[in-house]
Amino acid sequence: MPELPEVETVRRGLAQWLPGKKITDVEVLHPRATNPRSIAPLIALRGARIENINRRGKFLWFTLNRPYVVLAHLGMSGQFLIEPRSTQPSSHARVRFTVNDRRRELRFIDQRTFGWIALDTLTDGAPSSITHIARDIFDPQFRSDEAIEKLRKRSTSIKAALLNQEIMSGVGNIYADESLWRAQINPERIAHSLSTKDISRIFDAVRAVMGQALDAGGTSFDDLYINVNGESGYFDVELSVYGQEGEPCPRCGSEIKRIAFANRSSHFCPQCQIRPRQRVASQRKTSSRIRKTSSPKRKNGGKRAKSAKRARQPR
């Protein structure tokens, strides 16, 4: 599923071409392309002028010269493509937006039909139906102290907490794994067991990983994610743990592992991201070995004392 870097890449592409364009016609090619909660059918967009392209987390919306906005979610495989009017639409085309451009039009493509478009009103600057979605780490109004406080109250795994879009939006399975690896935190750690310093380190990793992905145009494993010009992102070549099961860890060389929990697959390094209990057990074993090897006289003395005690016992 497209995450923040992929959605932001699409937003930037649309923002270069759409603002100022007038929607002259809308053709809905599949009924599931329109969210049932849409306040009006998409044909109500005829005659509307697009003013700006916005994003919160994984959601996009177009502001208009109307009292409502166009809200969209890409789902698993949704794409907004700017294509020549003269070309035949893909068999997976769901909505066509004709604008006052003689050569090109906007098309919403979705192979798996989980993405959707809807008309919605605004509440406090965001579409009313997504006001529960938290701001993302790149939002100027993102409050890291508030997000840390929310995370430290969670009794779920830190991986599940990072995927909670009501705490911090935009992070999905790929970037959660990559960020936790970079921060050297095991994905199964319970969120409330982490210190403020630990979570700050995770946030720094999230910002760095997703920033790199944005520079690379997002992550693409096949042709399901492409930008508005039809180009694939290439951050997948830089992934350290996600999808790297069985490969050596770039940091320590240990074999990357994959585990399944909370309906997700998580990839991590068992050496760099040791579970807390494993770390304690490892430290105990190390301490035990040190005691045994550093005190041989004490050990032999103990054996002689036991032998002497047995000799004193009556037969």
Protein backbone atom coordinates (compact mmCIF):
# COMPACT_ATOMS: atom_id res chain seq x y z
CA MET A 1 0.00 0.00 0.00
CA PRO A 2 1.34 3.47 -0.83
CA GLU A 3 2.67 5.22 2.27
CA LEU A 4 3.50 8.86 2.92
CA PRO A 5 6.47 9.15 0.50
CA GLU A 6 4.50 7.62 -2.36
CA VAL A 7 1.40 9.76 -1.72
CA GLU A 8 3.50 12.90 -1.31
CA THR A 9 5.29 12.12 -4.59
CA VAL A 10 1.88 11.96 -6.30
CA ARG A 11 0.76 15.18 -4.60
CA ARG A 12 3.85 17.03 -5.81
CA GLY A 13 3.29 15.82 -9.35
CA LEU A 14 -0.37 16.88 -9.36
CA ALA A 15 0.51 20.22 -7.77
CA GLN A 16 2.69 21.07 -10.76
CA TRP A 17 -0.15 20.69 -13.26
CA LEU A 18 -3.64 20.77 -11.72
CA PRO A 19 -4.01 24.09 -9.82
CA GLY A 20 -5.88 26.59 -11.95
CA LYS A 21 -7.42 23.90 -14.15
CA LYS A 22 -11.19 23.84 -14.61
CA ILE A 23 -12.96 20.48 -14.54
CA THR A 24 -15.16 20.36 -17.64
CA ASP A 25 -16.36 16.76 -17.32
CA VAL A 26 -16.14 13.71 -15.04
CA GLU A 27 -16.72 10.13 -16.19
CA VAL A 28 -17.02 7.43 -13.51
CA LEU A 29 -16.03 4.10 -15.06
CA HIS A 30 -16.47 1.87 -11.99
CA PRO A 31 -19.05 2.24 -9.18
CA ARG A 32 -16.56 1.31 -6.45
CA ALA A 33 -14.35 4.25 -7.37
CA THR A 34 -16.73 6.58 -5.50
CA ASN A 35 -16.75 6.29 -1.73
CA PRO A 36 -20.33 5.65 -0.47
CA ARG A 37 -19.86 8.48 2.04
CA SER A 38 -19.37 11.06 -0.70
CA ILE A 39 -21.68 14.01 -0.04
CA ALA A 40 -22.52 14.24 -3.77
CA PRO A 41 -21.86 12.32 -7.00
CA LEU A 42 -18.58 13.14 -8.74
CA ILE A 43 -20.40 14.71 -11.67
CA ALA A 44 -21.07 17.64 -9.31
CA LEU A 45 -17.47 18.63 -10.04
CA ARG A 46 -18.33 19.86 -13.53
CA GLY A 47 -17.39 23.51 -13.77
CA ALA A 48 -15.28 23.52 -10.58
CA ARG A 49 -11.82 25.06 -10.60
CA ILE A 50 -8.97 23.29 -8.77
CA GLU A 51 -7.08 25.61 -6.43
CA ASN A 52 -4.58 23.44 -4.56
CA ILE A 53 -3.50 19.86 -3.81
CA ASN A 54 -3.14 18.87 -0.15
CA ARG A 55 -2.21 15.78 1.87
CA ARG A 56 -2.55 14.41 5.37
CA GLY A 57 -0.85 11.08 5.95
CA LYS A 58 -1.96 8.82 3.10
CA PHE A 59 -4.94 10.99 2.05
CA LEU A 60 -5.00 13.52 -0.79
CA TRP A 61 -7.52 16.27 -1.40
CA PHE A 62 -8.07 18.95 -4.02
CA THR A 63 -9.39 22.30 -2.81
CA LEU A 64 -11.85 23.94 -5.21
CA ASN A 65 -13.67 27.19 -5.73
CA ARG A 66 -16.59 25.35 -4.13
CA PRO A 67 -17.61 24.72 -0.49
CA TYR A 68 -16.35 21.13 -0.73
CA VAL A 69 -13.17 19.27 -1.71
CA VAL A 70 -12.19 16.17 -3.70
CA LEU A 71 -10.85 13.62 -1.20
CA ALA A 72 -8.95 10.54 -2.38
CA HIS A 73 -7.25 7.47 -0.95
CA LEU A 74 -5.05 5.35 -3.21
CA GLY A 75 -5.86 2.09 -1.40
CA MET A 76 -3.57 -0.77 -2.44
CA SER A 77 -2.85 0.21 -6.03
CA GLY A 78 -4.50 3.54 -6.85
CA GLN A 79 -2.76 5.94 -9.23
CA PHE A 80 -3.46 9.43 -10.51
CA LEU A 81 -2.03 9.71 -14.02
CA ILE A 82 -1.87 12.72 -16.31
CA GLU A 83 -2.26 11.17 -19.75
CA PRO A 84 -2.90 12.32 -23.33
CA ARG A 85 -6.58 12.52 -24.21
CA SER A 86 -5.82 10.69 -27.45
CA THR A 87 -4.65 7.49 -25.70
CA GLN A 88 -7.05 4.70 -24.83
CA PRO A 89 -7.62 4.53 -21.04
CA SER A 90 -6.26 1.51 -19.19
CA SER A 91 -8.67 -1.33 -18.49
CA HIS A 92 -8.17 -0.42 -14.81
CA ALA A 93 -9.22 3.21 -15.30
CA ARG A 94 -11.91 4.09 -12.75
CA VAL A 95 -12.50 7.84 -13.20
CA ARG A 96 -11.63 10.30 -15.99
CA PHE A 97 -11.38 14.02 -15.25
CA THR A 98 -11.49 16.22 -18.35
CA VAL A 99 -10.04 19.67 -17.74
CA ASN A 100 -9.55 22.76 -19.88
CA ASP A 101 -6.41 21.33 -21.43
CA ARG A 102 -6.59 20.31 -25.08
CA ARG A 103 -3.97 17.60 -24.86
CA ARG A 104 -4.10 15.92 -21.45
CA GLU A 105 -6.56 14.72 -18.83
CA LEU A 106 -6.42 13.29 -15.30
CA ARG A 107 -7.22 9.60 -14.83
CA PHE A 108 -7.67 7.59 -11.64
CA ILE A 109 -6.36 4.05 -12.20
CA ASP A 110 -6.85 1.26 -9.66
CA GLN A 111 -6.17 -2.37 -10.47
CA ARG A 112 -7.39 -3.80 -7.14
CA THR A 113 -10.26 -1.32 -6.66
CA PHE A 114 -9.55 -0.54 -3.01
CA GLY A 115 -8.87 3.14 -3.68
CA TRP A 116 -11.65 5.70 -3.79
CA ILE A 117 -12.64 9.30 -4.45
CA ALA A 118 -15.28 11.32 -2.59
CA LEU A 119 -16.60 14.85 -2.17
CA ASP A 120 -16.34 16.13 1.38
CA THR A 121 -16.61 19.34 3.37
CA LEU A 122 -13.77 20.91 5.34
CA THR A 123 -13.45 21.05 9.13
CA ASP A 124 -10.53 23.02 10.60
CA GLY A 125 -8.74 22.93 7.27
CA ALA A 126 -9.04 19.18 6.64
CA PRO A 127 -11.77 17.00 5.09
CA SER A 128 -14.40 16.28 7.74
CA SER A 129 -14.17 12.49 7.35
CA ILE A 130 -10.43 12.38 8.16
CA THR A 131 -10.14 14.82 11.07
CA HIS A 132 -9.26 11.82 13.28
CA ILE A 133 -6.12 11.22 11.21
CA ALA A 134 -3.07 12.63 12.98
CA ARG A 135 -0.57 14.94 11.38
CA ASP A 136 2.56 13.36 9.93
CA ILE A 137 6.15 13.94 10.98
CA PHE A 138 6.79 16.41 8.12
CA ASP A 139 3.77 18.57 8.94
CA PRO A 140 4.88 21.94 10.38
CA GLN A 141 2.18 21.56 13.04
CA PHE A 142 3.25 18.04 14.07
CA ARG A 143 3.86 17.91 17.85
CA SER A 144 6.43 15.24 18.65
CA ASP A 145 5.91 15.64 22.41
CA GLU A 146 2.20 14.86 22.06
CA ALA A 147 2.90 11.85 19.80
CA ILE A 148 5.51 10.52 22.25
CA GLU A 149 3.05 10.82 25.11
CA LYS A 150 0.41 8.89 23.15
CA LEU A 151 2.88 6.15 22.24
CA ARG A 152 4.06 5.74 25.83
CA LYS A 153 0.48 5.02 26.91
CA ARG A 154 0.04 2.15 24.44
CA SER A 155 0.17 -1.47 25.59
CA THR A 156 0.56 -2.75 22.02
CA SER A 157 3.82 -3.45 20.20
CA ILE A 158 5.74 -0.42 18.98
CA LYS A 159 5.27 -1.69 15.41
CA ALA A 160 1.47 -1.68 15.79
CA ALA A 161 1.58 1.73 17.48
CA LEU A 162 3.56 3.22 14.59
CA LEU A 163 0.94 1.93 12.16
CA ASN A 164 -1.83 3.68 14.13
CA GLN A 165 -2.73 6.65 11.93
CA GLU A 166 -4.38 8.44 14.86
CA ILE A 167 -1.01 8.82 16.63
CA MET A 168 1.22 9.76 13.70
CA SER A 169 0.06 9.38 10.12
CA GLY A 170 1.82 8.27 6.98
CA VAL A 171 3.86 5.33 8.33
CA GLY A 172 3.00 1.91 6.91
CA ASN A 173 4.56 -1.54 7.05
CA ILE A 174 7.62 -0.78 4.92
CA TYR A 175 8.78 2.38 6.67
CA ALA A 176 7.91 1.08 10.14
CA ASP A 177 10.29 -1.87 9.62
CA GLU A 178 13.00 0.32 8.13
CA SER A 179 12.73 2.94 10.88
CA LEU A 180 12.78 0.43 13.73
CA TRP A 181 15.85 -1.23 12.23
CA ARG A 182 17.61 2.12 11.98
CA ALA A 183 16.67 2.96 15.59
CA GLN A 184 17.71 -0.57 16.72
CA ILE A 185 14.33 -1.24 18.37
CA ASN A 186 12.67 -4.65 18.15
CA PRO A 187 9.20 -4.41 16.51
CA GLU A 188 7.67 -6.52 19.31
CA ARG A 189 8.74 -4.17 22.08
CA ILE A 190 5.72 -2.92 24.01
CA ALA A 191 5.29 0.79 23.32
CA HIS A 192 4.90 1.86 26.95
CA SER A 193 8.17 0.11 27.85
CA LEU A 194 10.13 2.54 25.69
CA SER A 195 11.70 5.67 27.10
CA THR A 196 11.19 9.15 25.69
CA LYS A 197 14.75 8.90 24.34
CA ASP A 198 13.94 5.61 22.57
CA ILE A 199 10.84 7.06 20.88
CA SER A 200 12.69 10.23 19.90
CA ARG A 201 15.28 8.00 18.24
CA ILE A 202 12.50 6.20 16.36
CA PHE A 203 11.04 9.54 15.19
CA ASP A 204 14.46 10.63 13.96
CA ALA A 205 14.69 7.35 12.03
CA VAL A 206 11.18 7.77 10.57
CA ARG A 207 12.07 11.27 9.39
CA ALA A 208 15.37 10.12 7.86
CA VAL A 209 14.00 6.99 6.16
CA MET A 210 10.94 8.66 4.67
CA GLY A 211 13.01 11.68 3.67
CA GLN A 212 15.32 9.39 1.69
CA ALA A 213 12.30 7.69 0.12
CA LEU A 214 10.87 11.06 -0.91
CA ASP A 215 14.16 11.99 -2.56
CA ALA A 216 14.02 8.69 -4.48
CA GLY A 217 10.38 9.10 -5.52
CA GLY A 218 8.91 6.50 -3.15
CA THR A 219 9.13 2.72 -3.06
CA SER A 220 7.96 0.58 -5.96
CA PHE A 221 8.14 -3.21 -6.25
CA ASP A 222 6.15 -3.47 -9.47
CA ASP A 223 4.01 -1.28 -11.73
CA LEU A 224 1.27 -0.85 -9.11
CA TYR A 225 2.89 2.30 -7.77
CA ILE A 226 3.97 4.97 -10.22
CA ASN A 227 3.91 8.76 -10.13
CA VAL A 228 1.69 11.01 -12.23
CA ASN A 229 4.05 10.67 -15.19
CA GLY A 230 4.02 6.87 -15.06
CA GLU A 231 7.49 6.54 -13.52
CA SER A 232 8.23 4.03 -10.75
CA GLY A 233 9.92 4.98 -7.49
CA TYR A 234 13.21 3.24 -6.79
CA PHE A 235 13.71 3.41 -3.01
CA ASP A 236 13.26 -0.38 -2.87
CA VAL A 237 16.91 -0.80 -3.87
CA GLU A 238 17.90 0.94 -0.62
CA LEU A 239 15.74 -1.09 1.78
CA SER A 240 17.74 -2.55 4.66
CA VAL A 241 15.32 -5.08 6.17
CA TYR A 242 11.87 -4.96 4.57
CA GLY A 243 11.60 -7.86 2.12
CA GLN A 244 15.20 -8.86 2.88
CA GLU A 245 14.47 -12.10 4.77
CA GLY A 246 17.51 -14.38 4.71
CA GLU A 247 19.85 -11.61 3.54
CA PRO A 248 22.71 -10.29 5.70
CA CYS A 249 22.03 -7.26 7.88
CA PRO A 250 23.79 -4.21 6.36
CA ARG A 251 24.95 -3.23 9.86
CA CYS A 252 26.17 -6.45 11.50
CA GLY A 253 25.89 -9.19 8.89
CA SER A 254 23.38 -11.33 10.81
CA GLU A 255 20.57 -12.97 8.84
CA ILE A 256 17.44 -10.82 8.53
CA LYS A 257 14.37 -12.55 10.01
CA ARG A 258 10.67 -12.22 9.32
CA ILE A 259 7.94 -12.73 11.89
CA ALA A 260 4.16 -12.45 11.59
CA PHE A 261 2.08 -10.77 14.27
CA ALA A 262 -0.79 -8.29 14.45
CA ASN A 263 -1.84 -9.36 10.93
CA ARG A 264 1.45 -8.03 9.57
CA SER A 265 4.85 -9.35 8.57
CA SER A 266 7.77 -7.67 10.27
CA HIS A 267 11.38 -7.81 9.13
CA PHE A 268 14.22 -7.21 11.59
CA CYS A 269 17.78 -8.11 12.55
CA PRO A 270 17.84 -10.47 15.58
CA GLN A 271 21.28 -9.17 16.56
CA CYS A 272 20.79 -5.41 16.15
CA GLN A 273 17.19 -5.45 17.40
CA ILE A 274 17.34 -7.88 20.31
CA ARG A 275 14.20 -8.28 22.39
CA PRO A 276 14.54 -7.00 25.98
CA ARG A 277 14.33 -10.51 27.50
CA GLN A 278 16.84 -11.85 25.01
CA ARG A 279 19.24 -9.04 25.91
CA VAL A 280 18.94 -9.78 29.64
CA ALA A 281 19.44 -13.50 29.06
CA SER A 282 22.44 -12.79 26.85
CA GLN A 283 23.96 -10.55 29.51
CA ARG A 284 23.44 -13.20 32.18
CA LYS A 285 25.14 -15.87 30.07
CA THR A 286 28.07 -13.54 29.39
CA SER A 287 28.41 -12.66 33.08
CA SER A 288 28.27 -16.34 34.03
CA ARG A 289 31.04 -17.22 31.57
CA ILE A 290 33.19 -14.37 32.92
CA ARG A 291 32.76 -15.56 36.53
CA LYS A 292 33.63 -19.15 35.64
CA THR A 293 36.75 -18.28 33.67
CA SER A 294 38.04 -15.56 35.99
CA SER A 295 37.80 -17.44 39.34
CA PRO A 296 39.30 -20.94 38.86
CA LYS A 297 40.87 -21.08 42.37
CA ARG A 298 37.54 -20.34 44.01
CA LYS A 299 35.96 -23.11 41.96
CA ASN A 300 38.63 -25.70 42.96
CA GLY A 301 38.51 -24.55 46.55
CA GLY A 302 34.81 -25.23 46.56
CA LYS A 303 35.40 -28.82 45.37
CA ARG A 304 38.05 -29.46 48.09
CA ALA A 305 35.69 -28.13 50.76
CA LYS A 306 32.93 -30.51 49.62
CA SER A 307 35.38 -33.47 49.64
CA ALA A 308 36.56 -32.61 53.17
CA LYS A 309 32.98 -32.38 54.38
CA ARG A 310 32.18 -35.83 52.96
CA ALA A 311 35.31 -37.25 54.67
CA ARG A 312 34.17 -35.94 58.08
CA GLN A 313 30.80 -37.62 57.82
CA PRO A 314 30.48 -40.93 59.87
CA ARG A 315 30.44 -44.08 57.80
